[in-house]
Amino acid sequence: ASVAEHRVIADAIAAGDPELAAHATHLHLHHALTSVLTALSADPDPV
């Protein structure tokens, strides 16, 4: 999923669309944080 999200951000920057680039970044970071917190709730020891 992260691969696809980074590609969307890169495409938005290449297209010169600031708001789409920022929105795609926002979604990527939301999903990244959710994934990390889910992993942490399952096994807190790695942190």
All heavy atoms as atom14 arrays in JSON, in Angstrom:
{
  "sequence": "ASVAEHRVIADAIAAGDPELAAHATHLHLHHALTSVLTALSADPDPV",
  "atom14_mask": [
    [1, 1, 1, 1, 1, 0, 0, 0, 0, 0, 0, 0, 0, 0],
    [1, 1, 1, 1, 1, 1, 0, 0, 0, 0, 0, 0, 0, 0],
    [1, 1, 1, 1, 1, 1, 1, 0, 0, 0, 0, 0, 0, 0],
    [1, 1, 1, 1, 1, 0, 0, 0, 0, 0, 0, 0, 0, 0],
    [1, 1, 1, 1, 1, 1, 1, 1, 1, 0, 0, 0, 0, 0],
    [1, 1, 1, 1, 1, 1, 1, 1, 1, 1, 0, 0, 0, 0],
    [1, 1, 1, 1, 1, 1, 1, 1, 1, 1, 1, 0, 0, 0],
    [1, 1, 1, 1, 1, 1, 1, 0, 0, 0, 0, 0, 0, 0],
    [1, 1, 1, 1, 1, 1, 1, 1, 0, 0, 0, 0, 0, 0],
    [1, 1, 1, 1, 1, 0, 0, 0, 0, 0, 0, 0, 0, 0],
    [1, 1, 1, 1, 1, 1, 1, 1, 0, 0, 0, 0, 0, 0],
    [1, 1, 1, 1, 1, 0, 0, 0, 0, 0, 0, 0, 0, 0],
    [1, 1, 1, 1, 1, 1, 1, 1, 0, 0, 0, 0, 0, 0],
    [1, 1, 1, 1, 1, 0, 0, 0, 0, 0, 0, 0, 0, 0],
    [1, 1, 1, 1, 1, 0, 0, 0, 0, 0, 0, 0, 0, 0],
    [1, 1, 1, 1, 0, 0, 0, 0, 0, 0, 0, 0, 0, 0],
    [1, 1, 1, 1, 1, 1, 1, 1, 0, 0, 0, 0, 0, 0],
    [1, 1, 1, 1, 1, 1, 1, 0, 0, 0, 0, 0, 0, 0],
    [1, 1, 1, 1, 1, 1, 1, 1, 1, 0, 0, 0, 0, 0],
    [1, 1, 1, 1, 1, 1, 1, 1, 0, 0, 0, 0, 0, 0],
    [1, 1, 1, 1, 1, 0, 0, 0, 0, 0, 0, 0, 0, 0],
    [1, 1, 1, 1, 1, 0, 0, 0, 0, 0, 0, 0, 0, 0],
    [1, 1, 1, 1, 1, 1, 1, 1, 1, 1, 0, 0, 0, 0],
    [1, 1, 1, 1, 1, 0, 0, 0, 0, 0, 0, 0, 0, 0],
    [1, 1, 1, 1, 1, 1, 1, 0, 0, 0, 0, 0, 0, 0],
    [1, 1, 1, 1, 1, 1, 1, 1, 1, 1, 0, 0, 0, 0],
    [1, 1, 1, 1, 1, 1, 1, 1, 0, 0, 0, 0, 0, 0],
    [1, 1, 1, 1, 1, 1, 1, 1, 1, 1, 0, 0, 0, 0],
    [1, 1, 1, 1, 1, 1, 1, 1, 0, 0, 0, 0, 0, 0],
    [1, 1, 1, 1, 1, 1, 1, 1, 1, 1, 0, 0, 0, 0],
    [1, 1, 1, 1, 1, 1, 1, 1, 1, 1, 0, 0, 0, 0],
    [1, 1, 1, 1, 1, 0, 0, 0, 0, 0, 0, 0, 0, 0],
    [1, 1, 1, 1, 1, 1, 1, 1, 0, 0, 0, 0, 0, 0],
    [1, 1, 1, 1, 1, 1, 1, 0, 0, 0, 0, 0, 0, 0],
    [1, 1, 1, 1, 1, 1, 0, 0, 0, 0, 0, 0, 0, 0],
    [1, 1, 1, 1, 1, 1, 1, 0, 0, 0, 0, 0, 0, 0],
    [1, 1, 1, 1, 1, 1, 1, 1, 0, 0, 0, 0, 0, 0],
    [1, 1, 1, 1, 1, 1, 1, 0, 0, 0, 0, 0, 0, 0],
    [1, 1, 1, 1, 1, 0, 0, 0, 0, 0, 0, 0, 0, 0],
    [1, 1, 1, 1, 1, 1, 1, 1, 0, 0, 0, 0, 0, 0],
    [1, 1, 1, 1, 1, 1, 0, 0, 0, 0, 0, 0, 0, 0],
    [1, 1, 1, 1, 1, 0, 0, 0, 0, 0, 0, 0, 0, 0],
    [1, 1, 1, 1, 1, 1, 1, 1, 0, 0, 0, 0, 0, 0],
    [1, 1, 1, 1, 1, 1, 1, 0, 0, 0, 0, 0, 0, 0],
    [1, 1, 1, 1, 1, 1, 1, 1, 0, 0, 0, 0, 0, 0],
    [1, 1, 1, 1, 1, 1, 1, 0, 0, 0, 0, 0, 0, 0],
    [1, 1, 1, 1, 1, 1, 1, 0, 0, 0, 0, 0, 0, 0]
  ],
  "atom14_positions": [
    [[0.83, -1.2, 0.0], [0.0, 0.0, 0.0], [0.86, 1.25, 0.0], [0.56, 2.25, -0.67], [-0.93, -0.01, 1.2], [0.0, 0.0, 0.0], [0.0, 0.0, 0.0], [0.0, 0.0, 0.0], [0.0, 0.0, 0.0], [0.0, 0.0, 0.0], [0.0, 0.0, 0.0], [0.0, 0.0, 0.0], [0.0, 0.0, 0.0], [0.0, 0.0, 0.0]],
    [[1.97, 1.2, 0.75], [2.87, 2.35, 0.82], [3.47, 2.67, -0.55], [3.64, 3.83, -0.91], [3.98, 2.08, 1.84], [4.88, 3.15, 1.93], [0.0, 0.0, 0.0], [0.0, 0.0, 0.0], [0.0, 0.0, 0.0], [0.0, 0.0, 0.0], [0.0, 0.0, 0.0], [0.0, 0.0, 0.0], [0.0, 0.0, 0.0], [0.0, 0.0, 0.0]],
    [[3.79, 1.62, -1.31], [4.31, 1.82, -2.67], [3.29, 2.63, -3.49], [3.64, 3.62, -4.14], [4.59, 0.47, -3.36], [4.89, 0.68, -4.83], [5.75, -0.25, -2.69], [0.0, 0.0, 0.0], [0.0, 0.0, 0.0], [0.0, 0.0, 0.0], [0.0, 0.0, 0.0], [0.0, 0.0, 0.0], [0.0, 0.0, 0.0], [0.0, 0.0, 0.0]],
    [[2.04, 2.19, -3.47], [1.0, 2.86, -4.24], [0.8, 4.3, -3.77], [0.61, 5.21, -4.59], [-0.31, 2.08, -4.14], [0.0, 0.0, 0.0], [0.0, 0.0, 0.0], [0.0, 0.0, 0.0], [0.0, 0.0, 0.0], [0.0, 0.0, 0.0], [0.0, 0.0, 0.0], [0.0, 0.0, 0.0], [0.0, 0.0, 0.0], [0.0, 0.0, 0.0]],
    [[0.84, 4.51, -2.45], [0.64, 5.85, -1.9], [1.77, 6.8, -2.32], [1.52, 7.96, -2.67], [0.54, 5.76, -0.38], [-0.74, 5.08, 0.1], [-0.65, 4.57, 1.52], [0.33, 4.9, 2.22], [-1.56, 3.83, 1.93], [0.0, 0.0, 0.0], [0.0, 0.0, 0.0], [0.0, 0.0, 0.0], [0.0, 0.0, 0.0], [0.0, 0.0, 0.0]],
    [[3.0, 6.31, -2.29], [4.12, 7.15, -2.72], [4.01, 7.48, -4.21], [4.36, 8.6, -4.64], [5.46, 6.46, -2.42], [5.94, 6.68, -1.02], [5.64, 5.81, 0.0], [6.7, 7.67, -0.49], [6.19, 6.25, 1.11], [6.83, 7.37, 0.84], [0.0, 0.0, 0.0], [0.0, 0.0, 0.0], [0.0, 0.0, 0.0], [0.0, 0.0, 0.0]],
    [[3.52, 6.53, -4.99], [3.38, 6.79, -6.41], [2.35, 7.89, -6.67], [2.55, 8.76, -7.53], [2.99, 5.51, -7.15], [3.03, 5.69, -8.66], [2.65, 4.43, -9.41], [2.75, 4.65, -10.84], [2.3, 3.83, -11.76], [1.72, 2.69, -11.4], [2.41, 4.12, -13.04], [0.0, 0.0, 0.0], [0.0, 0.0, 0.0], [0.0, 0.0, 0.0]],
    [[1.27, 7.88, -5.92], [0.25, 8.93, -6.07], [0.84, 10.3, -5.72], [0.6, 11.29, -6.42], [-0.98, 8.63, -5.2], [-1.94, 9.82, -5.2], [-1.7, 7.38, -5.69], [0.0, 0.0, 0.0], [0.0, 0.0, 0.0], [0.0, 0.0, 0.0], [0.0, 0.0, 0.0], [0.0, 0.0, 0.0], [0.0, 0.0, 0.0], [0.0, 0.0, 0.0]],
    [[1.62, 10.35, -4.65], [2.25, 11.62, -4.26], [3.2, 12.1, -5.36], [3.18, 13.28, -5.76], [3.02, 11.47, -2.94], [2.08, 11.07, -1.8], [3.72, 12.8, -2.58], [2.8, 10.64, -0.54], [0.0, 0.0, 0.0], [0.0, 0.0, 0.0], [0.0, 0.0, 0.0], [0.0, 0.0, 0.0], [0.0, 0.0, 0.0], [0.0, 0.0, 0.0]],
    [[4.04, 11.18, -5.88], [4.98, 11.55, -6.93], [4.24, 12.04, -8.17], [4.64, 13.03, -8.81], [5.87, 10.37, -7.27], [0.0, 0.0, 0.0], [0.0, 0.0, 0.0], [0.0, 0.0, 0.0], [0.0, 0.0, 0.0], [0.0, 0.0, 0.0], [0.0, 0.0, 0.0], [0.0, 0.0, 0.0], [0.0, 0.0, 0.0], [0.0, 0.0, 0.0]],
    [[3.14, 11.37, -8.52], [2.36, 11.79, -9.69], [1.77, 13.18, -9.49], [1.75, 14.0, -10.42], [1.23, 10.79, -9.95], [1.71, 9.5, -10.62], [2.8, 9.52, -11.23], [1.0, 8.49, -10.51], [0.0, 0.0, 0.0], [0.0, 0.0, 0.0], [0.0, 0.0, 0.0], [0.0, 0.0, 0.0], [0.0, 0.0, 0.0], [0.0, 0.0, 0.0]],
    [[1.28, 13.46, -8.28], [0.68, 14.76, -8.01], [1.73, 15.87, -8.09], [1.46, 16.96, -8.62], [0.02, 14.76, -6.63], [0.0, 0.0, 0.0], [0.0, 0.0, 0.0], [0.0, 0.0, 0.0], [0.0, 0.0, 0.0], [0.0, 0.0, 0.0], [0.0, 0.0, 0.0], [0.0, 0.0, 0.0], [0.0, 0.0, 0.0], [0.0, 0.0, 0.0]],
    [[2.92, 15.59, -7.58], [4.0, 16.59, -7.66], [4.41, 16.79, -9.12], [4.6, 17.92, -9.58], [5.2, 16.17, -6.8], [4.81, 16.15, -5.31], [6.38, 17.12, -7.01], [5.89, 15.62, -4.39], [0.0, 0.0, 0.0], [0.0, 0.0, 0.0], [0.0, 0.0, 0.0], [0.0, 0.0, 0.0], [0.0, 0.0, 0.0], [0.0, 0.0, 0.0]],
    [[4.53, 15.69, -9.86], [4.89, 15.79, -11.28], [3.86, 16.59, -12.06], [4.2, 17.32, -13.0], [5.03, 14.39, -11.88], [0.0, 0.0, 0.0], [0.0, 0.0, 0.0], [0.0, 0.0, 0.0], [0.0, 0.0, 0.0], [0.0, 0.0, 0.0], [0.0, 0.0, 0.0], [0.0, 0.0, 0.0], [0.0, 0.0, 0.0], [0.0, 0.0, 0.0]],
    [[2.58, 16.47, -11.65], [1.51, 17.2, -12.33], [1.42, 18.66, -11.89], [0.62, 19.42, -12.45], [0.17, 16.5, -12.08], [0.0, 0.0, 0.0], [0.0, 0.0, 0.0], [0.0, 0.0, 0.0], [0.0, 0.0, 0.0], [0.0, 0.0, 0.0], [0.0, 0.0, 0.0], [0.0, 0.0, 0.0], [0.0, 0.0, 0.0], [0.0, 0.0, 0.0]],
    [[2.21, 19.03, -10.89], [2.17, 20.41, -10.41], [0.9, 20.75, -9.66], [0.42, 21.89, -9.71], [0.0, 0.0, 0.0], [0.0, 0.0, 0.0], [0.0, 0.0, 0.0], [0.0, 0.0, 0.0], [0.0, 0.0, 0.0], [0.0, 0.0, 0.0], [0.0, 0.0, 0.0], [0.0, 0.0, 0.0], [0.0, 0.0, 0.0], [0.0, 0.0, 0.0]],
    [[0.34, 19.77, -8.94], [-0.92, 19.96, -8.2], [-0.62, 19.98, -6.7], [-0.57, 18.92, -6.06], [-1.88, 18.83, -8.54], [-3.29, 19.07, -8.01], [-3.42, 19.74, -6.96], [-4.25, 18.59, -8.64], [0.0, 0.0, 0.0], [0.0, 0.0, 0.0], [0.0, 0.0, 0.0], [0.0, 0.0, 0.0], [0.0, 0.0, 0.0], [0.0, 0.0, 0.0]],
    [[-0.42, 21.16, -6.11], [-0.03, 21.24, -4.69], [-1.03, 20.63, -3.73], [-0.65, 19.95, -2.78], [0.12, 22.75, -4.44], [0.3, 23.36, -5.79], [-0.5, 22.49, -6.72], [0.0, 0.0, 0.0], [0.0, 0.0, 0.0], [0.0, 0.0, 0.0], [0.0, 0.0, 0.0], [0.0, 0.0, 0.0], [0.0, 0.0, 0.0], [0.0, 0.0, 0.0]],
    [[-2.32, 20.88, -3.95], [-3.32, 20.38, -2.99], [-3.47, 18.87, -3.07], [-3.64, 18.2, -2.05], [-4.66, 21.08, -3.22], [-4.62, 22.57, -2.88], [-3.98, 22.83, -1.52], [-4.37, 22.18, -0.52], [-3.08, 23.69, -1.45], [0.0, 0.0, 0.0], [0.0, 0.0, 0.0], [0.0, 0.0, 0.0], [0.0, 0.0, 0.0], [0.0, 0.0, 0.0]],
    [[-3.4, 18.31, -4.28], [-3.47, 16.86, -4.4], [-2.23, 16.22, -3.77], [-2.34, 15.19, -3.1], [-3.58, 16.45, -5.87], [-3.63, 14.94, -6.14], [-4.79, 14.28, -5.4], [-3.71, 14.67, -7.64], [0.0, 0.0, 0.0], [0.0, 0.0, 0.0], [0.0, 0.0, 0.0], [0.0, 0.0, 0.0], [0.0, 0.0, 0.0], [0.0, 0.0, 0.0]],
    [[-1.08, 16.84, -3.96], [0.15, 16.31, -3.36], [0.06, 16.31, -1.84], [0.44, 15.34, -1.18], [1.35, 17.13, -3.82], [0.0, 0.0, 0.0], [0.0, 0.0, 0.0], [0.0, 0.0, 0.0], [0.0, 0.0, 0.0], [0.0, 0.0, 0.0], [0.0, 0.0, 0.0], [0.0, 0.0, 0.0], [0.0, 0.0, 0.0], [0.0, 0.0, 0.0]],
    [[-0.46, 17.39, -1.27], [-0.59, 17.48, 0.18], [-1.63, 16.49, 0.69], [-1.43, 15.84, 1.73], [-0.97, 18.9, 0.58], [0.0, 0.0, 0.0], [0.0, 0.0, 0.0], [0.0, 0.0, 0.0], [0.0, 0.0, 0.0], [0.0, 0.0, 0.0], [0.0, 0.0, 0.0], [0.0, 0.0, 0.0], [0.0, 0.0, 0.0], [0.0, 0.0, 0.0]],
    [[-2.75, 16.35, -0.03], [-3.81, 15.43, 0.39], [-3.32, 13.98, 0.32], [-3.57, 13.19, 1.25], [-5.04, 15.6, -0.49], [-6.17, 14.69, -0.12], [-6.84, 14.77, 1.09], [-6.75, 13.66, -0.8], [-7.78, 13.84, 1.15], [-7.74, 13.15, 0.01], [0.0, 0.0, 0.0], [0.0, 0.0, 0.0], [0.0, 0.0, 0.0], [0.0, 0.0, 0.0]],
    [[-2.6, 13.64, -0.74], [-2.07, 12.28, -0.87], [-1.06, 11.99, 0.24], [-1.01, 10.88, 0.77], [-1.42, 12.11, -2.24], [0.0, 0.0, 0.0], [0.0, 0.0, 0.0], [0.0, 0.0, 0.0], [0.0, 0.0, 0.0], [0.0, 0.0, 0.0], [0.0, 0.0, 0.0], [0.0, 0.0, 0.0], [0.0, 0.0, 0.0], [0.0, 0.0, 0.0]],
    [[-0.27, 13.0, 0.59], [0.68, 12.84, 1.7], [-0.06, 12.63, 3.01], [0.32, 11.79, 3.83], [1.59, 14.08, 1.79], [2.31, 14.24, 0.56], [2.58, 13.95, 2.95], [0.0, 0.0, 0.0], [0.0, 0.0, 0.0], [0.0, 0.0, 0.0], [0.0, 0.0, 0.0], [0.0, 0.0, 0.0], [0.0, 0.0, 0.0], [0.0, 0.0, 0.0]],
    [[-1.12, 13.41, 3.21], [-1.94, 13.27, 4.43], [-2.49, 11.85, 4.56], [-2.41, 11.24, 5.63], [-3.09, 14.29, 4.4], [-3.98, 14.21, 5.58], [-3.76, 14.96, 6.73], [-5.09, 13.47, 5.83], [-4.71, 14.68, 7.62], [-5.53, 13.79, 7.1], [0.0, 0.0, 0.0], [0.0, 0.0, 0.0], [0.0, 0.0, 0.0], [0.0, 0.0, 0.0]],
    [[-3.04, 11.32, 3.48], [-3.6, 9.96, 3.52], [-2.5, 8.93, 3.78], [-2.7, 7.99, 4.56], [-4.31, 9.65, 2.21], [-5.65, 10.34, 1.98], [-6.2, 9.97, 0.6], [-6.66, 9.96, 3.07], [0.0, 0.0, 0.0], [0.0, 0.0, 0.0], [0.0, 0.0, 0.0], [0.0, 0.0, 0.0], [0.0, 0.0, 0.0], [0.0, 0.0, 0.0]],
    [[-1.36, 9.09, 3.13], [-0.26, 8.15, 3.35], [0.16, 8.14, 4.82], [0.33, 7.05, 5.41], [0.93, 8.54, 2.47], [2.2, 7.87, 2.88], [2.38, 6.5, 2.82], [3.36, 8.37, 3.39], [3.59, 6.19, 3.25], [4.19, 7.3, 3.61], [0.0, 0.0, 0.0], [0.0, 0.0, 0.0], [0.0, 0.0, 0.0], [0.0, 0.0, 0.0]],
    [[0.3, 9.3, 5.42], [0.73, 9.36, 6.82], [-0.34, 8.83, 7.76], [-0.03, 8.22, 8.8], [1.12, 10.79, 7.18], [2.33, 11.34, 6.42], [2.63, 12.77, 6.85], [3.55, 10.46, 6.62], [0.0, 0.0, 0.0], [0.0, 0.0, 0.0], [0.0, 0.0, 0.0], [0.0, 0.0, 0.0], [0.0, 0.0, 0.0], [0.0, 0.0, 0.0]],
    [[-1.61, 9.06, 7.43], [-2.7, 8.5, 8.23], [-2.62, 6.98, 8.24], [-2.69, 6.34, 9.3], [-4.04, 8.96, 7.68], [-5.21, 8.25, 8.3], [-5.66, 8.53, 9.58], [-6.0, 7.24, 7.83], [-6.69, 7.73, 9.86], [-6.9, 6.95, 8.82], [0.0, 0.0, 0.0], [0.0, 0.0, 0.0], [0.0, 0.0, 0.0], [0.0, 0.0, 0.0]],
    [[-2.45, 6.39, 7.06], [-2.37, 4.93, 6.97], [-1.1, 4.4, 7.65], [-1.14, 3.34, 8.29], [-2.41, 4.48, 5.51], [-3.71, 4.75, 4.83], [-4.93, 4.49, 5.4], [-3.99, 5.29, 3.6], [-5.9, 4.82, 4.58], [-5.35, 5.32, 3.49], [0.0, 0.0, 0.0], [0.0, 0.0, 0.0], [0.0, 0.0, 0.0], [0.0, 0.0, 0.0]],
    [[0.0, 5.12, 7.51], [1.25, 4.7, 8.14], [1.12, 4.69, 9.66], [1.53, 3.74, 10.33], [2.39, 5.61, 7.7], [0.0, 0.0, 0.0], [0.0, 0.0, 0.0], [0.0, 0.0, 0.0], [0.0, 0.0, 0.0], [0.0, 0.0, 0.0], [0.0, 0.0, 0.0], [0.0, 0.0, 0.0], [0.0, 0.0, 0.0], [0.0, 0.0, 0.0]],
    [[0.53, 5.75, 10.22], [0.35, 5.82, 11.67], [-0.58, 4.71, 12.15], [-0.31, 4.06, 13.17], [-0.19, 7.18, 12.06], [-0.52, 7.37, 13.55], [0.71, 7.13, 14.42], [-1.11, 8.76, 13.81], [0.0, 0.0, 0.0], [0.0, 0.0, 0.0], [0.0, 0.0, 0.0], [0.0, 0.0, 0.0], [0.0, 0.0, 0.0], [0.0, 0.0, 0.0]],
    [[-1.68, 4.51, 11.44], [-2.61, 3.45, 11.82], [-1.92, 2.09, 11.84], [-2.11, 1.3, 12.77], [-3.8, 3.42, 10.85], [-4.49, 4.67, 10.89], [-4.76, 2.29, 11.21], [0.0, 0.0, 0.0], [0.0, 0.0, 0.0], [0.0, 0.0, 0.0], [0.0, 0.0, 0.0], [0.0, 0.0, 0.0], [0.0, 0.0, 0.0], [0.0, 0.0, 0.0]],
    [[-1.09, 1.83, 10.85], [-0.37, 0.56, 10.78], [0.59, 0.39, 11.94], [0.66, -0.68, 12.56], [0.39, 0.46, 9.45], [1.16, -0.71, 9.39], [0.0, 0.0, 0.0], [0.0, 0.0, 0.0], [0.0, 0.0, 0.0], [0.0, 0.0, 0.0], [0.0, 0.0, 0.0], [0.0, 0.0, 0.0], [0.0, 0.0, 0.0], [0.0, 0.0, 0.0]],
    [[1.32, 1.45, 12.26], [2.28, 1.39, 13.36], [1.56, 1.15, 14.69], [1.98, 0.31, 15.5], [3.11, 2.68, 13.41], [3.9, 2.76, 14.72], [4.07, 2.75, 12.24], [0.0, 0.0, 0.0], [0.0, 0.0, 0.0], [0.0, 0.0, 0.0], [0.0, 0.0, 0.0], [0.0, 0.0, 0.0], [0.0, 0.0, 0.0], [0.0, 0.0, 0.0]],
    [[0.48, 1.88, 14.92], [-0.24, 1.72, 16.19], [-0.88, 0.34, 16.29], [-0.94, -0.24, 17.39], [-1.3, 2.81, 16.32], [-0.77, 4.24, 16.43], [-1.92, 5.23, 16.55], [0.18, 4.39, 17.62], [0.0, 0.0, 0.0], [0.0, 0.0, 0.0], [0.0, 0.0, 0.0], [0.0, 0.0, 0.0], [0.0, 0.0, 0.0], [0.0, 0.0, 0.0]],
    [[-1.33, -0.21, 15.16], [-1.88, -1.56, 15.17], [-0.8, -2.57, 15.53], [-1.01, -3.48, 16.33], [-2.49, -1.9, 13.8], [-3.56, -0.99, 13.52], [-3.02, -3.33, 13.78], [0.0, 0.0, 0.0], [0.0, 0.0, 0.0], [0.0, 0.0, 0.0], [0.0, 0.0, 0.0], [0.0, 0.0, 0.0], [0.0, 0.0, 0.0], [0.0, 0.0, 0.0]],
    [[0.38, -2.41, 14.92], [1.5, -3.31, 15.22], [1.91, -3.2, 16.68], [2.21, -4.19, 17.35], [2.68, -2.99, 14.32], [0.0, 0.0, 0.0], [0.0, 0.0, 0.0], [0.0, 0.0, 0.0], [0.0, 0.0, 0.0], [0.0, 0.0, 0.0], [0.0, 0.0, 0.0], [0.0, 0.0, 0.0], [0.0, 0.0, 0.0], [0.0, 0.0, 0.0]],
    [[1.9, -1.99, 17.21], [2.3, -1.77, 18.59], [1.3, -2.38, 19.56], [1.68, -2.95, 20.59], [2.45, -0.28, 18.85], [2.93, 0.13, 20.24], [4.27, -0.52, 20.56], [3.03, 1.64, 20.35], [0.0, 0.0, 0.0], [0.0, 0.0, 0.0], [0.0, 0.0, 0.0], [0.0, 0.0, 0.0], [0.0, 0.0, 0.0], [0.0, 0.0, 0.0]],
    [[0.01, -2.29, 19.23], [-0.99, -2.86, 20.13], [-0.88, -4.39, 20.18], [-1.21, -5.02, 21.18], [-2.39, -2.46, 19.69], [-2.73, -3.02, 18.43], [0.0, 0.0, 0.0], [0.0, 0.0, 0.0], [0.0, 0.0, 0.0], [0.0, 0.0, 0.0], [0.0, 0.0, 0.0], [0.0, 0.0, 0.0], [0.0, 0.0, 0.0], [0.0, 0.0, 0.0]],
    [[-0.41, -4.98, 19.07], [-0.25, -6.44, 19.03], [1.0, -6.89, 19.75], [1.04, -7.97, 20.33], [-0.22, -6.91, 17.57], [0.0, 0.0, 0.0], [0.0, 0.0, 0.0], [0.0, 0.0, 0.0], [0.0, 0.0, 0.0], [0.0, 0.0, 0.0], [0.0, 0.0, 0.0], [0.0, 0.0, 0.0], [0.0, 0.0, 0.0], [0.0, 0.0, 0.0]],
    [[2.07, -6.05, 19.69], [3.34, -6.42, 20.3], [4.1, -5.15, 20.66], [4.79, -4.58, 19.83], [4.17, -7.27, 19.34], [5.5, -7.69, 19.96], [5.71, -7.43, 21.15], [6.32, -8.29, 19.24], [0.0, 0.0, 0.0], [0.0, 0.0, 0.0], [0.0, 0.0, 0.0], [0.0, 0.0, 0.0], [0.0, 0.0, 0.0], [0.0, 0.0, 0.0]],
    [[3.99, -4.67, 21.9], [4.63, -3.43, 22.28], [6.14, -3.52, 22.4], [6.83, -2.52, 22.38], [4.02, -3.11, 23.66], [3.65, -4.44, 24.21], [3.21, -5.27, 23.02], [0.0, 0.0, 0.0], [0.0, 0.0, 0.0], [0.0, 0.0, 0.0], [0.0, 0.0, 0.0], [0.0, 0.0, 0.0], [0.0, 0.0, 0.0], [0.0, 0.0, 0.0]],
    [[6.71, -4.7, 22.48], [8.13, -4.83, 22.74], [9.04, -4.2, 21.69], [10.1, -3.68, 22.04], [8.52, -6.31, 22.9], [8.08, -6.87, 24.24], [7.67, -6.06, 25.08], [8.12, -8.1, 24.42], [0.0, 0.0, 0.0], [0.0, 0.0, 0.0], [0.0, 0.0, 0.0], [0.0, 0.0, 0.0], [0.0, 0.0, 0.0], [0.0, 0.0, 0.0]],
    [[8.68, -4.21, 20.36], [9.58, -3.6, 19.4], [9.86, -2.13, 19.66], [10.87, -1.59, 19.23], [8.85, -3.78, 18.06], [8.03, -5.0, 18.28], [7.59, -4.9, 19.71], [0.0, 0.0, 0.0], [0.0, 0.0, 0.0], [0.0, 0.0, 0.0], [0.0, 0.0, 0.0], [0.0, 0.0, 0.0], [0.0, 0.0, 0.0], [0.0, 0.0, 0.0]],
    [[8.97, -1.44, 20.37], [9.18, -0.04, 20.64], [9.72, 0.19, 22.03], [10.76, 0.82, 22.24], [7.87, 0.77, 20.44], [8.05, 2.19, 20.9], [7.44, 0.71, 19.0], [0.0, 0.0, 0.0], [0.0, 0.0, 0.0], [0.0, 0.0, 0.0], [0.0, 0.0, 0.0], [0.0, 0.0, 0.0], [0.0, 0.0, 0.0], [0.0, 0.0, 0.0]]
  ]
}
